[in-house]
Amino acid sequence: GLTYQWFLSADGSRVELGQFPQAKVLRRKDWGWAICNSNVVCCSVDPEDLEHAAAVDLHPELFCLEQLGPSLQLVRFLMQLIV
């Protein structure tokens, strides 16, 4: 599996994951967790979350959707083809 050395910032708001850009640590409104940087969004999940197609549908506020615009529609369409 993938393993990285990781370090939490002193204030607990950021984490360094190996050689990747520093990530922001967020507590979501539903009390779950998210770790986000410019390349990836990692979300904690509950078993009922697995019934949904994608984390982007569960937590759109984490994915900068306003920057994606029409591209998001294309991504969702392509995801439907493979599900």
N, C-alpha and C. Protein backbone atom coordinates (compact mmCIF):
# COMPACT_ATOMS: atom_id res chain seq x y z
N GLY A 1 0.81 -1.18 0.00
CA GLY A 1 0.00 0.00 0.00
C GLY A 1 0.86 1.25 0.00
N LEU A 2 0.20 2.35 -0.05
CA LEU A 2 0.88 3.64 -0.03
C LEU A 2 1.13 4.06 1.41
N THR A 3 2.36 4.40 1.69
CA THR A 3 2.69 4.91 3.02
C THR A 3 3.56 6.15 2.85
N TYR A 4 3.31 7.14 3.69
CA TYR A 4 4.05 8.38 3.65
C TYR A 4 4.40 8.78 5.07
N GLN A 5 5.54 9.45 5.21
CA GLN A 5 5.79 10.12 6.48
C GLN A 5 4.89 11.34 6.49
N TRP A 6 4.26 11.59 7.61
CA TRP A 6 3.38 12.76 7.68
C TRP A 6 3.59 13.49 8.99
N PHE A 7 3.32 14.79 8.93
CA PHE A 7 3.52 15.66 10.08
C PHE A 7 2.34 16.61 10.18
N LEU A 8 1.81 16.78 11.38
CA LEU A 8 0.73 17.70 11.65
C LEU A 8 1.33 19.02 12.13
N SER A 9 0.80 20.14 11.63
CA SER A 9 1.29 21.45 12.08
C SER A 9 0.97 21.65 13.55
N ALA A 10 1.68 22.56 14.19
CA ALA A 10 1.50 22.79 15.62
C ALA A 10 0.07 23.20 15.97
N ASP A 11 -0.59 23.94 15.07
CA ASP A 11 -1.96 24.38 15.36
C ASP A 11 -3.01 23.36 14.91
N GLY A 12 -2.58 22.27 14.30
CA GLY A 12 -3.50 21.20 13.89
C GLY A 12 -4.32 21.51 12.66
N SER A 13 -3.98 22.56 11.91
CA SER A 13 -4.79 22.94 10.76
C SER A 13 -4.22 22.47 9.43
N ARG A 14 -2.98 21.98 9.43
CA ARG A 14 -2.35 21.53 8.18
C ARG A 14 -1.56 20.25 8.44
N VAL A 15 -1.41 19.49 7.36
CA VAL A 15 -0.64 18.25 7.45
C VAL A 15 0.28 18.16 6.24
N GLU A 16 1.47 17.65 6.45
CA GLU A 16 2.41 17.39 5.37
C GLU A 16 2.40 15.90 5.11
N LEU A 17 2.11 15.52 3.87
CA LEU A 17 2.04 14.11 3.48
C LEU A 17 3.17 13.81 2.51
N GLY A 18 4.26 13.27 3.03
CA GLY A 18 5.39 12.94 2.16
C GLY A 18 5.85 14.13 1.35
N GLN A 19 6.05 13.91 0.05
CA GLN A 19 6.57 14.96 -0.83
C GLN A 19 5.47 15.82 -1.44
N PHE A 20 4.22 15.63 -1.03
CA PHE A 20 3.10 16.35 -1.64
C PHE A 20 2.89 17.72 -1.01
N PRO A 21 2.17 18.62 -1.73
CA PRO A 21 1.91 19.95 -1.16
C PRO A 21 1.19 19.85 0.19
N GLN A 22 1.48 20.80 1.05
CA GLN A 22 0.86 20.83 2.37
C GLN A 22 -0.66 20.83 2.21
N ALA A 23 -1.35 20.10 3.06
CA ALA A 23 -2.81 19.97 2.97
C ALA A 23 -3.48 20.62 4.17
N LYS A 24 -4.66 21.16 3.91
CA LYS A 24 -5.46 21.77 4.97
C LYS A 24 -6.33 20.68 5.61
N VAL A 25 -6.42 20.69 6.93
CA VAL A 25 -7.26 19.74 7.67
C VAL A 25 -8.54 20.48 8.05
N LEU A 26 -9.70 19.91 7.67
CA LEU A 26 -10.99 20.55 7.91
C LEU A 26 -11.94 19.64 8.65
N ARG A 27 -12.68 20.21 9.56
CA ARG A 27 -13.79 19.50 10.20
C ARG A 27 -15.04 19.91 9.42
N ARG A 28 -15.75 18.93 8.85
CA ARG A 28 -16.93 19.22 8.05
C ARG A 28 -18.14 19.50 8.93
N LYS A 29 -19.20 20.06 8.32
CA LYS A 29 -20.43 20.37 9.06
C LYS A 29 -21.05 19.11 9.66
N ASP A 30 -20.84 17.95 9.01
CA ASP A 30 -21.40 16.70 9.51
C ASP A 30 -20.47 16.01 10.51
N TRP A 31 -19.44 16.70 10.95
CA TRP A 31 -18.44 16.25 11.91
C TRP A 31 -17.46 15.23 11.34
N GLY A 32 -17.52 15.00 10.04
CA GLY A 32 -16.49 14.20 9.39
C GLY A 32 -15.25 15.04 9.19
N TRP A 33 -14.22 14.45 8.63
CA TRP A 33 -12.95 15.14 8.39
C TRP A 33 -12.65 15.19 6.91
N ALA A 34 -11.89 16.19 6.49
CA ALA A 34 -11.38 16.27 5.12
C ALA A 34 -9.95 16.79 5.19
N ILE A 35 -9.12 16.25 4.32
CA ILE A 35 -7.75 16.72 4.15
C ILE A 35 -7.63 17.10 2.68
N CYS A 36 -7.33 18.38 2.41
CA CYS A 36 -7.37 18.90 1.04
C CYS A 36 -6.11 19.67 0.70
N ASN A 37 -5.60 19.43 -0.50
CA ASN A 37 -4.58 20.31 -1.06
C ASN A 37 -4.94 20.55 -2.52
N SER A 38 -4.05 21.16 -3.28
CA SER A 38 -4.36 21.51 -4.66
C SER A 38 -4.53 20.30 -5.57
N ASN A 39 -4.13 19.11 -5.11
CA ASN A 39 -4.19 17.92 -5.94
C ASN A 39 -5.26 16.91 -5.55
N VAL A 40 -5.68 16.93 -4.28
CA VAL A 40 -6.53 15.84 -3.79
C VAL A 40 -7.42 16.32 -2.66
N VAL A 41 -8.59 15.68 -2.55
CA VAL A 41 -9.48 15.87 -1.41
C VAL A 41 -9.73 14.49 -0.83
N CYS A 42 -9.35 14.27 0.43
CA CYS A 42 -9.59 13.00 1.12
C CYS A 42 -10.64 13.24 2.19
N CYS A 43 -11.72 12.47 2.15
CA CYS A 43 -12.82 12.63 3.09
C CYS A 43 -12.99 11.38 3.93
N SER A 44 -13.26 11.57 5.21
CA SER A 44 -13.67 10.42 6.01
C SER A 44 -15.06 10.01 5.53
N VAL A 45 -15.37 8.73 5.62
CA VAL A 45 -16.67 8.25 5.16
C VAL A 45 -17.31 7.35 6.20
N ASP A 46 -18.63 7.37 6.21
CA ASP A 46 -19.43 6.44 6.99
C ASP A 46 -19.96 5.39 6.03
N PRO A 47 -20.35 4.22 6.52
CA PRO A 47 -20.85 3.18 5.62
C PRO A 47 -21.97 3.66 4.69
N GLU A 48 -22.86 4.51 5.19
CA GLU A 48 -23.95 4.98 4.32
C GLU A 48 -23.44 5.92 3.22
N ASP A 49 -22.27 6.53 3.41
CA ASP A 49 -21.69 7.38 2.37
C ASP A 49 -21.32 6.57 1.13
N LEU A 50 -21.02 5.31 1.30
CA LEU A 50 -20.58 4.48 0.19
C LEU A 50 -21.69 4.21 -0.82
N GLU A 51 -22.93 4.52 -0.47
CA GLU A 51 -24.05 4.35 -1.39
C GLU A 51 -24.10 5.47 -2.42
N HIS A 52 -23.38 6.57 -2.18
CA HIS A 52 -23.37 7.70 -3.10
C HIS A 52 -22.30 7.50 -4.17
N ALA A 53 -22.52 8.15 -5.32
CA ALA A 53 -21.60 7.99 -6.45
C ALA A 53 -20.22 8.58 -6.18
N ALA A 54 -20.17 9.73 -5.51
CA ALA A 54 -18.88 10.38 -5.36
C ALA A 54 -18.89 11.37 -4.19
N ALA A 55 -17.70 11.60 -3.63
CA ALA A 55 -17.57 12.56 -2.54
C ALA A 55 -17.94 13.97 -3.01
N VAL A 56 -17.74 14.25 -4.30
CA VAL A 56 -18.09 15.58 -4.82
C VAL A 56 -19.58 15.85 -4.66
N ASP A 57 -20.41 14.83 -4.70
CA ASP A 57 -21.84 15.01 -4.49
C ASP A 57 -22.17 15.20 -3.01
N LEU A 58 -21.41 14.56 -2.14
CA LEU A 58 -21.64 14.67 -0.70
C LEU A 58 -21.12 15.98 -0.12
N HIS A 59 -19.98 16.44 -0.62
CA HIS A 59 -19.30 17.60 -0.03
C HIS A 59 -18.80 18.55 -1.13
N PRO A 60 -19.70 19.12 -1.92
CA PRO A 60 -19.27 19.96 -3.05
C PRO A 60 -18.44 21.17 -2.63
N GLU A 61 -18.63 21.65 -1.40
CA GLU A 61 -17.90 22.83 -0.95
C GLU A 61 -16.39 22.60 -0.88
N LEU A 62 -15.95 21.35 -0.87
CA LEU A 62 -14.53 21.04 -0.78
C LEU A 62 -13.83 20.99 -2.13
N PHE A 63 -14.59 21.05 -3.22
CA PHE A 63 -14.03 20.78 -4.54
C PHE A 63 -13.94 22.00 -5.45
N CYS A 64 -14.13 23.22 -4.93
CA CYS A 64 -14.03 24.45 -5.73
C CYS A 64 -14.84 24.35 -7.01
N LEU A 65 -16.10 23.95 -6.89
CA LEU A 65 -16.93 23.70 -8.06
C LEU A 65 -17.13 24.94 -8.92
N GLU A 66 -17.11 26.12 -8.31
CA GLU A 66 -17.31 27.33 -9.10
C GLU A 66 -16.19 27.51 -10.12
N GLN A 67 -15.03 26.92 -9.88
CA GLN A 67 -13.93 27.01 -10.82
C GLN A 67 -14.06 25.99 -11.95
N LEU A 68 -14.83 24.94 -11.74
CA LEU A 68 -14.96 23.89 -12.74
C LEU A 68 -16.00 24.20 -13.82
N GLY A 69 -17.10 24.83 -13.41
CA GLY A 69 -18.16 25.18 -14.36
C GLY A 69 -18.59 24.00 -15.21
N PRO A 70 -18.59 24.16 -16.55
CA PRO A 70 -19.04 23.11 -17.46
C PRO A 70 -18.22 21.83 -17.36
N SER A 71 -16.97 21.94 -16.93
CA SER A 71 -16.14 20.73 -16.81
C SER A 71 -16.74 19.75 -15.82
N LEU A 72 -17.39 20.27 -14.77
CA LEU A 72 -18.00 19.39 -13.78
C LEU A 72 -19.12 18.56 -14.41
N GLN A 73 -19.90 19.15 -15.28
CA GLN A 73 -20.96 18.41 -15.96
C GLN A 73 -20.37 17.26 -16.77
N LEU A 74 -19.27 17.52 -17.45
CA LEU A 74 -18.61 16.48 -18.23
C LEU A 74 -18.09 15.36 -17.32
N VAL A 75 -17.47 15.72 -16.20
CA VAL A 75 -16.96 14.72 -15.26
C VAL A 75 -18.09 13.85 -14.74
N ARG A 76 -19.19 14.46 -14.35
CA ARG A 76 -20.33 13.68 -13.84
C ARG A 76 -20.89 12.77 -14.91
N PHE A 77 -20.97 13.25 -16.15
CA PHE A 77 -21.46 12.42 -17.25
C PHE A 77 -20.55 11.22 -17.46
N LEU A 78 -19.25 11.44 -17.46
CA LEU A 78 -18.29 10.35 -17.66
C LEU A 78 -18.35 9.35 -16.51
N MET A 79 -18.56 9.83 -15.28
CA MET A 79 -18.66 8.93 -14.15
C MET A 79 -19.88 8.03 -14.27
N GLN A 80 -20.97 8.56 -14.80
CA GLN A 80 -22.17 7.75 -14.99
C GLN A 80 -21.93 6.62 -15.98
N LEU A 81 -21.07 6.84 -16.95
CA LEU A 81 -20.76 5.82 -17.94
C LEU A 81 -20.01 4.65 -17.35
N ILE A 82 -19.18 4.92 -16.34
CA ILE A 82 -18.36 3.84 -15.78
C ILE A 82 -18.98 3.18 -14.56
N VAL A 83 -20.04 3.76 -14.02
CA VAL A 83 -20.68 3.19 -12.82
C VAL A 83 -21.69 2.15 -13.22
